[in-house]
Amino acid sequence: MKYGSVAAGHKSTAKAAMDILKDGGNAFDAVVTAVFVSMTSEYCLTGACGGGRL
């Protein structure tokens, strides 16, 4: 990866997406990874019953 940028709500989500880009993945690969990681690290917002409900 020569150039790239990732924005996320949690450090682990951003790190996972950056790791994919550094390993040669494309933007789509990074987005899919970020979505799955966000479901565990930001579960109140992006989990199966997300939407900010506690």
N, C-alpha and C. Protein backbone atom coordinates (compact mmCIF):
# COMPACT_ATOMS: atom_id res chain seq x y z
N MET A 1 0.85 -1.17 0.00
CA MET A 1 0.00 0.00 0.00
C MET A 1 0.89 1.23 0.00
N LYS A 2 0.73 2.05 -1.00
CA LYS A 2 1.50 3.28 -1.06
C LYS A 2 0.77 4.42 -0.36
N TYR A 3 -0.51 4.53 -0.62
CA TYR A 3 -1.34 5.58 -0.02
C TYR A 3 -2.62 4.93 0.50
N GLY A 4 -3.13 5.46 1.58
CA GLY A 4 -4.39 4.95 2.09
C GLY A 4 -4.79 5.68 3.35
N SER A 5 -6.04 5.59 3.67
CA SER A 5 -6.58 6.27 4.83
C SER A 5 -7.75 5.46 5.36
N VAL A 6 -7.88 5.40 6.67
CA VAL A 6 -8.98 4.66 7.29
C VAL A 6 -9.55 5.53 8.40
N ALA A 7 -10.86 5.62 8.46
CA ALA A 7 -11.55 6.31 9.56
C ALA A 7 -12.48 5.30 10.23
N ALA A 8 -12.44 5.27 11.56
CA ALA A 8 -13.28 4.31 12.28
C ALA A 8 -13.59 4.87 13.66
N GLY A 9 -14.56 4.26 14.31
CA GLY A 9 -14.96 4.70 15.63
C GLY A 9 -14.18 4.07 16.75
N HIS A 10 -13.38 3.07 16.46
CA HIS A 10 -12.59 2.38 17.48
C HIS A 10 -11.22 2.04 16.91
N LYS A 11 -10.20 2.05 17.77
CA LYS A 11 -8.83 1.78 17.31
C LYS A 11 -8.68 0.40 16.68
N SER A 12 -9.33 -0.60 17.24
CA SER A 12 -9.18 -1.95 16.69
C SER A 12 -9.80 -2.08 15.31
N THR A 13 -10.87 -1.35 15.06
CA THR A 13 -11.50 -1.36 13.74
C THR A 13 -10.57 -0.74 12.70
N ALA A 14 -9.99 0.40 13.03
CA ALA A 14 -9.07 1.07 12.12
C ALA A 14 -7.81 0.24 11.89
N LYS A 15 -7.29 -0.37 12.95
CA LYS A 15 -6.08 -1.18 12.82
C LYS A 15 -6.31 -2.38 11.92
N ALA A 16 -7.46 -3.04 12.06
CA ALA A 16 -7.75 -4.19 11.22
C ALA A 16 -7.83 -3.80 9.75
N ALA A 17 -8.48 -2.69 9.45
CA ALA A 17 -8.58 -2.24 8.06
C ALA A 17 -7.21 -1.85 7.51
N MET A 18 -6.40 -1.18 8.31
CA MET A 18 -5.05 -0.80 7.87
C MET A 18 -4.18 -2.03 7.64
N ASP A 19 -4.32 -3.04 8.49
CA ASP A 19 -3.55 -4.27 8.30
C ASP A 19 -3.89 -4.94 6.97
N ILE A 20 -5.16 -4.93 6.61
CA ILE A 20 -5.57 -5.51 5.33
C ILE A 20 -4.94 -4.73 4.18
N LEU A 21 -4.98 -3.41 4.25
CA LEU A 21 -4.38 -2.59 3.19
C LEU A 21 -2.87 -2.80 3.10
N LYS A 22 -2.21 -2.88 4.25
CA LYS A 22 -0.76 -3.09 4.25
C LYS A 22 -0.37 -4.45 3.69
N ASP A 23 -1.25 -5.45 3.86
CA ASP A 23 -0.97 -6.79 3.35
C ASP A 23 -1.34 -6.96 1.88
N GLY A 24 -1.73 -5.87 1.22
CA GLY A 24 -2.01 -5.93 -0.21
C GLY A 24 -3.48 -6.03 -0.58
N GLY A 25 -4.36 -5.96 0.39
CA GLY A 25 -5.79 -6.00 0.10
C GLY A 25 -6.26 -4.68 -0.51
N ASN A 26 -7.44 -4.72 -1.10
CA ASN A 26 -7.99 -3.50 -1.69
C ASN A 26 -8.97 -2.85 -0.72
N ALA A 27 -9.57 -1.76 -1.14
CA ALA A 27 -10.48 -1.00 -0.27
C ALA A 27 -11.69 -1.84 0.13
N PHE A 28 -12.21 -2.64 -0.77
CA PHE A 28 -13.37 -3.49 -0.45
C PHE A 28 -13.01 -4.48 0.65
N ASP A 29 -11.85 -5.11 0.55
CA ASP A 29 -11.40 -6.05 1.58
C ASP A 29 -11.31 -5.35 2.94
N ALA A 30 -10.77 -4.14 2.94
CA ALA A 30 -10.62 -3.39 4.19
C ALA A 30 -11.97 -3.02 4.79
N VAL A 31 -12.92 -2.65 3.95
CA VAL A 31 -14.26 -2.28 4.44
C VAL A 31 -14.96 -3.48 5.05
N VAL A 32 -14.90 -4.62 4.39
CA VAL A 32 -15.55 -5.82 4.93
C VAL A 32 -14.93 -6.20 6.26
N THR A 33 -13.61 -6.14 6.35
CA THR A 33 -12.93 -6.43 7.61
C THR A 33 -13.35 -5.46 8.69
N ALA A 34 -13.39 -4.18 8.37
CA ALA A 34 -13.77 -3.17 9.35
C ALA A 34 -15.19 -3.38 9.86
N VAL A 35 -16.09 -3.77 8.99
CA VAL A 35 -17.48 -4.00 9.41
C VAL A 35 -17.54 -5.16 10.41
N PHE A 36 -16.85 -6.26 10.11
CA PHE A 36 -16.90 -7.40 11.01
C PHE A 36 -16.22 -7.11 12.34
N VAL A 37 -15.11 -6.38 12.32
CA VAL A 37 -14.44 -6.03 13.57
C VAL A 37 -15.29 -5.05 14.37
N SER A 38 -15.95 -4.12 13.70
CA SER A 38 -16.78 -3.15 14.42
C SER A 38 -17.96 -3.83 15.11
N MET A 39 -18.41 -4.96 14.61
CA MET A 39 -19.51 -5.67 15.25
C MET A 39 -19.11 -6.23 16.61
N THR A 40 -17.81 -6.40 16.85
CA THR A 40 -17.37 -6.88 18.16
C THR A 40 -16.83 -5.75 19.02
N SER A 41 -16.15 -4.78 18.43
CA SER A 41 -15.56 -3.72 19.24
C SER A 41 -16.51 -2.55 19.48
N GLU A 42 -17.52 -2.38 18.64
CA GLU A 42 -18.49 -1.31 18.79
C GLU A 42 -19.90 -1.89 18.75
N TYR A 43 -20.13 -2.94 19.52
CA TYR A 43 -21.37 -3.71 19.41
C TYR A 43 -22.63 -2.93 19.74
N CYS A 44 -22.53 -1.89 20.56
CA CYS A 44 -23.73 -1.10 20.88
C CYS A 44 -24.24 -0.33 19.67
N LEU A 45 -23.36 -0.01 18.75
CA LEU A 45 -23.74 0.77 17.58
C LEU A 45 -23.90 -0.07 16.32
N THR A 46 -23.09 -1.12 16.18
CA THR A 46 -23.09 -1.84 14.91
C THR A 46 -23.39 -3.32 15.04
N GLY A 47 -23.75 -3.80 16.21
CA GLY A 47 -24.06 -5.21 16.40
C GLY A 47 -25.40 -5.58 15.80
N ALA A 48 -25.76 -6.83 15.97
CA ALA A 48 -27.02 -7.33 15.39
C ALA A 48 -28.23 -6.56 15.94
N CYS A 49 -28.19 -6.18 17.19
CA CYS A 49 -29.26 -5.38 17.80
C CYS A 49 -28.78 -3.97 18.05
N GLY A 50 -27.99 -3.43 17.16
CA GLY A 50 -27.36 -2.13 17.32
C GLY A 50 -28.34 -0.98 17.25
N GLY A 51 -27.83 0.18 17.04
CA GLY A 51 -28.66 1.36 16.99
C GLY A 51 -28.56 2.18 18.26
N GLY A 52 -27.58 1.87 19.10
CA GLY A 52 -27.39 2.65 20.31
C GLY A 52 -28.20 2.19 21.49
N ARG A 53 -28.93 1.08 21.36
CA ARG A 53 -29.72 0.57 22.48
C ARG A 53 -28.80 -0.11 23.48
N LEU A 54 -29.06 0.09 24.74
CA LEU A 54 -28.29 -0.57 25.79
C LEU A 54 -29.09 -1.65 26.46
